[in-house]
């Protein structure tokens, strides 16, 4: 999976990055409007950016920037990062309004800690348009990812989405196999591919 690399630190409000689309759900059925995401690594943080051009159903306790469990019961974007050597992986959930959650696993669905623990210094941002379209981002400190997962080009990653709540649709960038739907399949995640962030194109006058 492509992670764009930026030579300077990024800032919310000035993000100009290519967006990948997910236009089929986990059953292979066309999904419109497509969900979008991007991953960008700057000198200090990994940015996970997600968007959808449709109104979201939010967790009733989700507050912008707040740590909140069970976001997956409503609309949310999910990022999984695994260390193939140790088998450990992190799951990050990002709500359309910037609420977030994370958990570390030692094996598929085996939590490292029973209690929910907020990873320090994670920052989230969100913008919701009057028509319901939303754009959200999570900035994760690279030093924490490296310390916990030896994060780098050997890492494996997947991005998933849960949308259209309460009639939820499940989307995954990487195919997860024909078995029962489950995002927790590190063996199906894809290897990191680092690529320089392309220069922004000025609008035509």
C-alpha atoms as a PDB file:
ATOM      1  CA  UNK A   1       0.000   0.000   0.000  1.00  0.00           C
ATOM      2  CA  UNK A   2       1.316   3.413  -0.954  1.00  0.00           C
ATOM      3  CA  UNK A   3       2.376   5.864   1.729  1.00  0.00           C
ATOM      4  CA  UNK A   4       3.348   9.224   0.283  1.00  0.00           C
ATOM      5  CA  UNK A   5       6.352  10.879   1.914  1.00  0.00           C
ATOM      6  CA  UNK A   6       6.615  14.617   2.535  1.00  0.00           C
ATOM      7  CA  UNK A   7       9.880  16.388   3.291  1.00  0.00           C
ATOM      8  CA  UNK A   8       8.192  19.042   5.418  1.00  0.00           C
ATOM      9  CA  UNK A   9       5.703  18.681   8.250  1.00  0.00           C
ATOM     10  CA  UNK A  10       2.096  18.781   7.102  1.00  0.00           C
ATOM     11  CA  UNK A  11      -0.642  20.922   8.591  1.00  0.00           C
ATOM     12  CA  UNK A  12      -4.393  20.499   8.654  1.00  0.00           C
ATOM     13  CA  UNK A  13      -6.003  23.067   6.395  1.00  0.00           C
ATOM     14  CA  UNK A  14      -3.105  22.902   3.943  1.00  0.00           C
ATOM     15  CA  UNK A  15      -3.270  19.240   2.977  1.00  0.00           C
ATOM     16  CA  UNK A  16      -2.957  18.635  -0.766  1.00  0.00           C
ATOM     17  CA  UNK A  17      -2.514  14.898  -1.288  1.00  0.00           C
ATOM     18  CA  UNK A  18      -3.704  12.288  -3.803  1.00  0.00           C
ATOM     19  CA  UNK A  19      -6.738  10.348  -2.614  1.00  0.00           C
ATOM     20  CA  UNK A  20      -7.297   6.649  -3.299  1.00  0.00           C
ATOM     21  CA  UNK A  21     -10.857   5.428  -3.759  1.00  0.00           C
ATOM     22  CA  UNK A  22     -12.641   2.298  -2.526  1.00  0.00           C
ATOM     23  CA  UNK A  23     -15.612   1.677  -4.828  1.00  0.00           C
ATOM     24  CA  UNK A  24     -16.613  -1.873  -3.858  1.00  0.00           C
ATOM     25  CA  UNK A  25     -17.671  -3.326  -0.528  1.00  0.00           C
ATOM     26  CA  UNK A  26     -16.219  -6.491   0.989  1.00  0.00           C
ATOM     27  CA  UNK A  27     -18.742  -8.583  -0.958  1.00  0.00           C
ATOM     28  CA  UNK A  28     -17.557  -7.120  -4.264  1.00  0.00           C
ATOM     29  CA  UNK A  29     -20.690  -5.018  -4.727  1.00  0.00           C
ATOM     30  CA  UNK A  30     -20.295  -1.549  -6.263  1.00  0.00           C
ATOM     31  CA  UNK A  31     -20.358   1.181  -3.631  1.00  0.00           C
ATOM     32  CA  UNK A  32     -21.179   4.778  -4.546  1.00  0.00           C
ATOM     33  CA  UNK A  33     -20.150   7.403  -3.818  1.00  0.00           C
ATOM     34  CA  UNK A  34     -16.744   5.813  -3.370  1.00  0.00           C
ATOM     35  CA  UNK A  35     -14.937   6.238  -0.062  1.00  0.00           C
ATOM     36  CA  UNK A  36     -11.565   7.970  -0.182  1.00  0.00           C
ATOM     37  CA  UNK A  37      -8.357   7.800   1.837  1.00  0.00           C
ATOM     38  CA  UNK A  38      -4.685   8.719   1.813  1.00  0.00           C
ATOM     39  CA  UNK A  39      -1.619   7.906   3.906  1.00  0.00           C
ATOM     40  CA  UNK A  40       1.187  10.446   4.121  1.00  0.00           C
ATOM     41  CA  UNK A  41       4.367  10.324   6.195  1.00  0.00           C
ATOM     42  CA  UNK A  42       6.025  13.604   7.082  1.00  0.00           C
ATOM     43  CA  UNK A  43       9.217  13.944   9.191  1.00  0.00           C
ATOM     44  CA  UNK A  44       7.376  13.387  12.476  1.00  0.00           C
ATOM     45  CA  UNK A  45       3.931  11.913  11.861  1.00  0.00           C
ATOM     46  CA  UNK A  46       1.936   9.434   9.796  1.00  0.00           C
ATOM     47  CA  UNK A  47      -1.241  11.051   8.486  1.00  0.00           C
ATOM     48  CA  UNK A  48      -4.342   8.935   7.896  1.00  0.00           C
ATOM     49  CA  UNK A  49      -6.870  10.895   5.857  1.00  0.00           C
ATOM     50  CA  UNK A  50     -10.384   9.663   5.040  1.00  0.00           C
ATOM     51  CA  UNK A  51     -13.412  11.141   3.343  1.00  0.00           C
ATOM     52  CA  UNK A  52     -16.855  10.322   2.000  1.00  0.00           C
ATOM     53  CA  UNK A  53     -19.290  12.463   0.055  1.00  0.00           C
ATOM     54  CA  UNK A  54     -22.302  11.333   2.045  1.00  0.00           C
ATOM     55  CA  UNK A  55     -23.643  12.202   5.481  1.00  0.00           C
ATOM     56  CA  UNK A  56     -22.379   9.968   8.268  1.00  0.00           C
ATOM     57  CA  UNK A  57     -24.132   8.350  11.204  1.00  0.00           C
ATOM     58  CA  UNK A  58     -21.965   9.223  14.221  1.00  0.00           C
ATOM     59  CA  UNK A  59     -21.509   7.385  17.478  1.00  0.00           C
ATOM     60  CA  UNK A  60     -23.792   9.341  19.879  1.00  0.00           C
ATOM     61  CA  UNK A  61     -20.915   9.875  22.321  1.00  0.00           C
ATOM     62  CA  UNK A  62     -18.307  10.781  19.694  1.00  0.00           C
ATOM     63  CA  UNK A  63     -16.807  14.195  20.318  1.00  0.00           C
ATOM     64  CA  UNK A  64     -14.258  15.911  18.039  1.00  0.00           C
ATOM     65  CA  UNK A  65     -10.745  14.946  19.088  1.00  0.00           C
ATOM     66  CA  UNK A  66     -11.952  12.716  21.936  1.00  0.00           C
ATOM     67  CA  UNK A  67     -10.963   9.093  22.557  1.00  0.00           C
ATOM     68  CA  UNK A  68     -14.062   6.922  22.197  1.00  0.00           C
ATOM     69  CA  UNK A  69     -14.531   3.157  22.101  1.00  0.00           C
ATOM     70  CA  UNK A  70     -17.004   1.336  19.825  1.00  0.00           C
ATOM     71  CA  UNK A  71     -16.768   3.818  16.962  1.00  0.00           C
ATOM     72  CA  UNK A  72     -17.090   0.836  14.600  1.00  0.00           C
ATOM     73  CA  UNK A  73     -20.746   0.483  15.557  1.00  0.00           C
ATOM     74  CA  UNK A  74     -21.358   3.596  13.433  1.00  0.00           C
ATOM     75  CA  UNK A  75     -19.620   5.180  10.433  1.00  0.00           C
ATOM     76  CA  UNK A  76     -15.842   5.127  10.791  1.00  0.00           C
ATOM     77  CA  UNK A  77     -12.571   4.766   8.895  1.00  0.00           C
ATOM     78  CA  UNK A  78     -10.060   2.183  10.149  1.00  0.00           C
ATOM     79  CA  UNK A  79      -6.297   1.892   9.729  1.00  0.00           C
ATOM     80  CA  UNK A  80      -4.404  -1.309  10.555  1.00  0.00           C
ATOM     81  CA  UNK A  81      -0.596  -1.417  10.821  1.00  0.00           C
ATOM     82  CA  UNK A  82       1.199  -4.697  11.510  1.00  0.00           C
ATOM     83  CA  UNK A  83       4.730  -5.868  12.206  1.00  0.00           C
ATOM     84  CA  UNK A  84       5.117  -9.177  10.301  1.00  0.00           C
ATOM     85  CA  UNK A  85       8.098 -10.181  12.457  1.00  0.00           C
ATOM     86  CA  UNK A  86       6.322 -10.028  15.828  1.00  0.00           C
ATOM     87  CA  UNK A  87       2.734 -10.511  14.645  1.00  0.00           C
ATOM     88  CA  UNK A  88       1.664  -7.441  16.627  1.00  0.00           C
ATOM     89  CA  UNK A  89      -0.556  -4.815  15.047  1.00  0.00           C
ATOM     90  CA  UNK A  90      -2.335  -1.578  15.843  1.00  0.00           C
ATOM     91  CA  UNK A  91      -5.885  -0.668  14.910  1.00  0.00           C
ATOM     92  CA  UNK A  92      -6.901   2.979  14.642  1.00  0.00           C
ATOM     93  CA  UNK A  93     -10.538   4.081  14.291  1.00  0.00           C
ATOM     94  CA  UNK A  94     -11.384   7.565  13.032  1.00  0.00           C
ATOM     95  CA  UNK A  95     -14.913   8.967  13.142  1.00  0.00           C
ATOM     96  CA  UNK A  96     -16.036  11.531  10.552  1.00  0.00           C
ATOM     97  CA  UNK A  97     -16.062  14.247  13.252  1.00  0.00           C
ATOM     98  CA  UNK A  98     -12.522  13.480  14.486  1.00  0.00           C
ATOM     99  CA  UNK A  99     -13.311  11.220  17.436  1.00  0.00           C
ATOM    100  CA  UNK A 100     -10.837   8.342  17.551  1.00  0.00           C
ATOM    101  CA  UNK A 101      -9.777   5.096  19.199  1.00  0.00           C
ATOM    102  CA  UNK A 102      -6.825   2.727  19.064  1.00  0.00           C
ATOM    103  CA  UNK A 103      -5.849  -0.697  20.346  1.00  0.00           C
ATOM    104  CA  UNK A 104      -2.733  -2.884  20.122  1.00  0.00           C
ATOM    105  CA  UNK A 105      -3.055  -6.605  19.374  1.00  0.00           C
ATOM    106  CA  UNK A 106      -0.506  -9.386  19.820  1.00  0.00           C
ATOM    107  CA  UNK A 107      -2.351 -11.711  17.394  1.00  0.00           C
ATOM    108  CA  UNK A 108      -5.661 -11.468  15.491  1.00  0.00           C
ATOM    109  CA  UNK A 109      -8.213 -10.083  17.986  1.00  0.00           C
ATOM    110  CA  UNK A 110      -5.906 -10.771  20.969  1.00  0.00           C
ATOM    111  CA  UNK A 111      -5.545  -7.465  22.774  1.00  0.00           C
ATOM    112  CA  UNK A 112      -2.240  -6.457  24.327  1.00  0.00           C
ATOM    113  CA  UNK A 113      -4.173  -4.690  27.110  1.00  0.00           C
ATOM    114  CA  UNK A 114      -7.721  -5.271  28.260  1.00  0.00           C
ATOM    115  CA  UNK A 115      -8.195  -1.599  29.116  1.00  0.00           C
ATOM    116  CA  UNK A 116      -8.573   1.036  26.405  1.00  0.00           C
ATOM    117  CA  UNK A 117      -5.454   3.216  26.427  1.00  0.00           C
ATOM    118  CA  UNK A 118      -5.203   6.406  24.377  1.00  0.00           C
ATOM    119  CA  UNK A 119      -1.920   6.659  22.477  1.00  0.00           C
ATOM    120  CA  UNK A 120      -0.326   9.971  23.527  1.00  0.00           C
ATOM    121  CA  UNK A 121       0.084  12.873  21.130  1.00  0.00           C
ATOM    122  CA  UNK A 122      -2.296  11.548  18.471  1.00  0.00           C
ATOM    123  CA  UNK A 123      -4.094  14.505  16.891  1.00  0.00           C
ATOM    124  CA  UNK A 124      -7.280  14.416  14.837  1.00  0.00           C
ATOM    125  CA  UNK A 125      -9.034  16.916  12.604  1.00  0.00           C
ATOM    126  CA  UNK A 126     -12.348  16.993  10.755  1.00  0.00           C
ATOM    127  CA  UNK A 127     -14.511  19.061   8.479  1.00  0.00           C
ATOM    128  CA  UNK A 128     -18.144  18.328   7.726  1.00  0.00           C
ATOM    129  CA  UNK A 129     -19.937  20.117   4.891  1.00  0.00           C
ATOM    130  CA  UNK A 130     -23.570  21.293   5.069  1.00  0.00           C
ATOM    131  CA  UNK A 131     -24.597  18.466   2.715  1.00  0.00           C
ATOM    132  CA  UNK A 132     -23.019  15.885   5.043  1.00  0.00           C
ATOM    133  CA  UNK A 133     -19.823  15.195   3.078  1.00  0.00           C
ATOM    134  CA  UNK A 134     -16.903  14.813   5.457  1.00  0.00           C
ATOM    135  CA  UNK A 135     -13.116  14.845   5.577  1.00  0.00           C
ATOM    136  CA  UNK A 136     -11.201  13.653   8.631  1.00  0.00           C
ATOM    137  CA  UNK A 137      -7.550  13.095   9.432  1.00  0.00           C
ATOM    138  CA  UNK A 138      -5.459  11.503  12.155  1.00  0.00           C
ATOM    139  CA  UNK A 139      -1.795  12.406  12.727  1.00  0.00           C
ATOM    140  CA  UNK A 140       0.105   9.623  14.529  1.00  0.00           C
ATOM    141  CA  UNK A 141       3.613  10.204  15.943  1.00  0.00           C
ATOM    142  CA  UNK A 142       6.187   8.189  13.998  1.00  0.00           C
ATOM    143  CA  UNK A 143       8.372   7.595  17.052  1.00  0.00           C
ATOM    144  CA  UNK A 144       5.529   5.755  18.773  1.00  0.00           C
ATOM    145  CA  UNK A 145       4.860   3.592  15.712  1.00  0.00           C
ATOM    146  CA  UNK A 146       8.538   2.751  15.415  1.00  0.00           C
ATOM    147  CA  UNK A 147       8.841   1.918  19.122  1.00  0.00           C
ATOM    148  CA  UNK A 148       5.771  -0.329  19.188  1.00  0.00           C
ATOM    149  CA  UNK A 149       5.834  -1.917  15.724  1.00  0.00           C
ATOM    150  CA  UNK A 150       9.247  -1.184  14.219  1.00  0.00           C
ATOM    151  CA  UNK A 151       7.274   0.820  11.661  1.00  0.00           C
ATOM    152  CA  UNK A 152       8.915   1.140   8.271  1.00  0.00           C
ATOM    153  CA  UNK A 153       9.028  -0.361   4.789  1.00  0.00           C
ATOM    154  CA  UNK A 154       8.670  -3.894   6.204  1.00  0.00           C
ATOM    155  CA  UNK A 155       5.325  -2.993   7.809  1.00  0.00           C
ATOM    156  CA  UNK A 156       2.017  -4.203   6.387  1.00  0.00           C
ATOM    157  CA  UNK A 157      -1.087  -2.043   6.270  1.00  0.00           C
ATOM    158  CA  UNK A 158      -4.762  -2.033   5.451  1.00  0.00           C
ATOM    159  CA  UNK A 159      -7.448   0.647   5.333  1.00  0.00           C
ATOM    160  CA  UNK A 160     -11.093  -0.242   5.925  1.00  0.00           C
ATOM    161  CA  UNK A 161     -14.332   1.706   6.191  1.00  0.00           C
ATOM    162  CA  UNK A 162     -17.701   1.158   7.809  1.00  0.00           C
ATOM    163  CA  UNK A 163     -20.315   3.371   6.142  1.00  0.00           C
ATOM    164  CA  UNK A 164     -24.055   3.834   5.579  1.00  0.00           C
ATOM    165  CA  UNK A 165     -24.957   3.068   9.197  1.00  0.00           C
ATOM    166  CA  UNK A 166     -27.270   1.678  10.467  1.00  0.00           C
ATOM    167  CA  UNK A 167     -27.448  -0.481   7.285  1.00  0.00           C
ATOM    168  CA  UNK A 168     -23.698  -0.837   7.452  1.00  0.00           C
ATOM    169  CA  UNK A 169     -21.509  -1.442   4.435  1.00  0.00           C
ATOM    170  CA  UNK A 170     -18.011  -2.807   5.015  1.00  0.00           C
ATOM    171  CA  UNK A 171     -15.174  -1.746   2.715  1.00  0.00           C
ATOM    172  CA  UNK A 172     -11.526  -2.822   2.623  1.00  0.00           C
ATOM    173  CA  UNK A 173      -8.713  -1.639   0.373  1.00  0.00           C
ATOM    174  CA  UNK A 174      -7.054  -5.077   0.513  1.00  0.00           C
ATOM    175  CA  UNK A 175      -9.175  -8.137  -0.306  1.00  0.00           C
ATOM    176  CA  UNK A 176      -9.729 -10.110   2.890  1.00  0.00           C
ATOM    177  CA  UNK A 177     -10.638 -13.481   1.417  1.00  0.00           C
ATOM    178  CA  UNK A 178     -13.936 -15.332   1.026  1.00  0.00           C
ATOM    179  CA  UNK A 179     -14.278 -16.261   4.685  1.00  0.00           C
ATOM    180  CA  UNK A 180     -16.605 -14.551   7.143  1.00  0.00           C
ATOM    181  CA  UNK A 181     -16.112 -10.780   7.061  1.00  0.00           C
ATOM    182  CA  UNK A 182     -13.313  -9.779   9.431  1.00  0.00           C
ATOM    183  CA  UNK A 183     -10.938  -6.810   9.200  1.00  0.00           C
ATOM    184  CA  UNK A 184      -8.504  -8.470  11.635  1.00  0.00           C
ATOM    185  CA  UNK A 185      -6.516 -10.441   9.049  1.00  0.00           C
ATOM    186  CA  UNK A 186      -2.898  -9.232   9.121  1.00  0.00           C
ATOM    187  CA  UNK A 187      -1.957 -11.956   6.621  1.00  0.00           C
ATOM    188  CA  UNK A 188      -4.060 -10.078   4.040  1.00  0.00           C
ATOM    189  CA  UNK A 189      -2.521  -6.653   4.687  1.00  0.00           C
ATOM    190  CA  UNK A 190      -0.176  -5.254   2.027  1.00  0.00           C
ATOM    191  CA  UNK A 191       3.443  -4.189   2.290  1.00  0.00           C
ATOM    192  CA  UNK A 192       4.266  -0.511   2.653  1.00  0.00           C
ATOM    193  CA  UNK A 193       5.430   1.223  -0.527  1.00  0.00           C
ATOM    194  CA  UNK A 194       6.956   4.655   0.095  1.00  0.00           C
ATOM    195  CA  UNK A 195       6.537   7.192  -2.690  1.00  0.00           C
ATOM    196  CA  UNK A 196       7.433  10.913  -2.710  1.00  0.00           C
ATOM    197  CA  UNK A 197       4.418  13.159  -2.425  1.00  0.00           C
ATOM    198  CA  UNK A 198       3.829  14.614  -5.896  1.00  0.00           C
ATOM    199  CA  UNK A 199       3.972  18.410  -6.146  1.00  0.00           C
ATOM    200  CA  UNK A 200       0.670  20.167  -5.987  1.00  0.00           C
ATOM    201  CA  UNK A 201      -0.761  21.416  -9.269  1.00  0.00           C
ATOM    202  CA  UNK A 202      -1.810  25.078  -9.244  1.00  0.00           C
ATOM    203  CA  UNK A 203      -5.342  25.698 -10.487  1.00  0.00           C
ATOM    204  CA  UNK A 204      -5.733  26.896 -14.069  1.00  0.00           C
ATOM    205  CA  UNK A 205      -6.544  30.577 -14.431  1.00  0.00           C
END
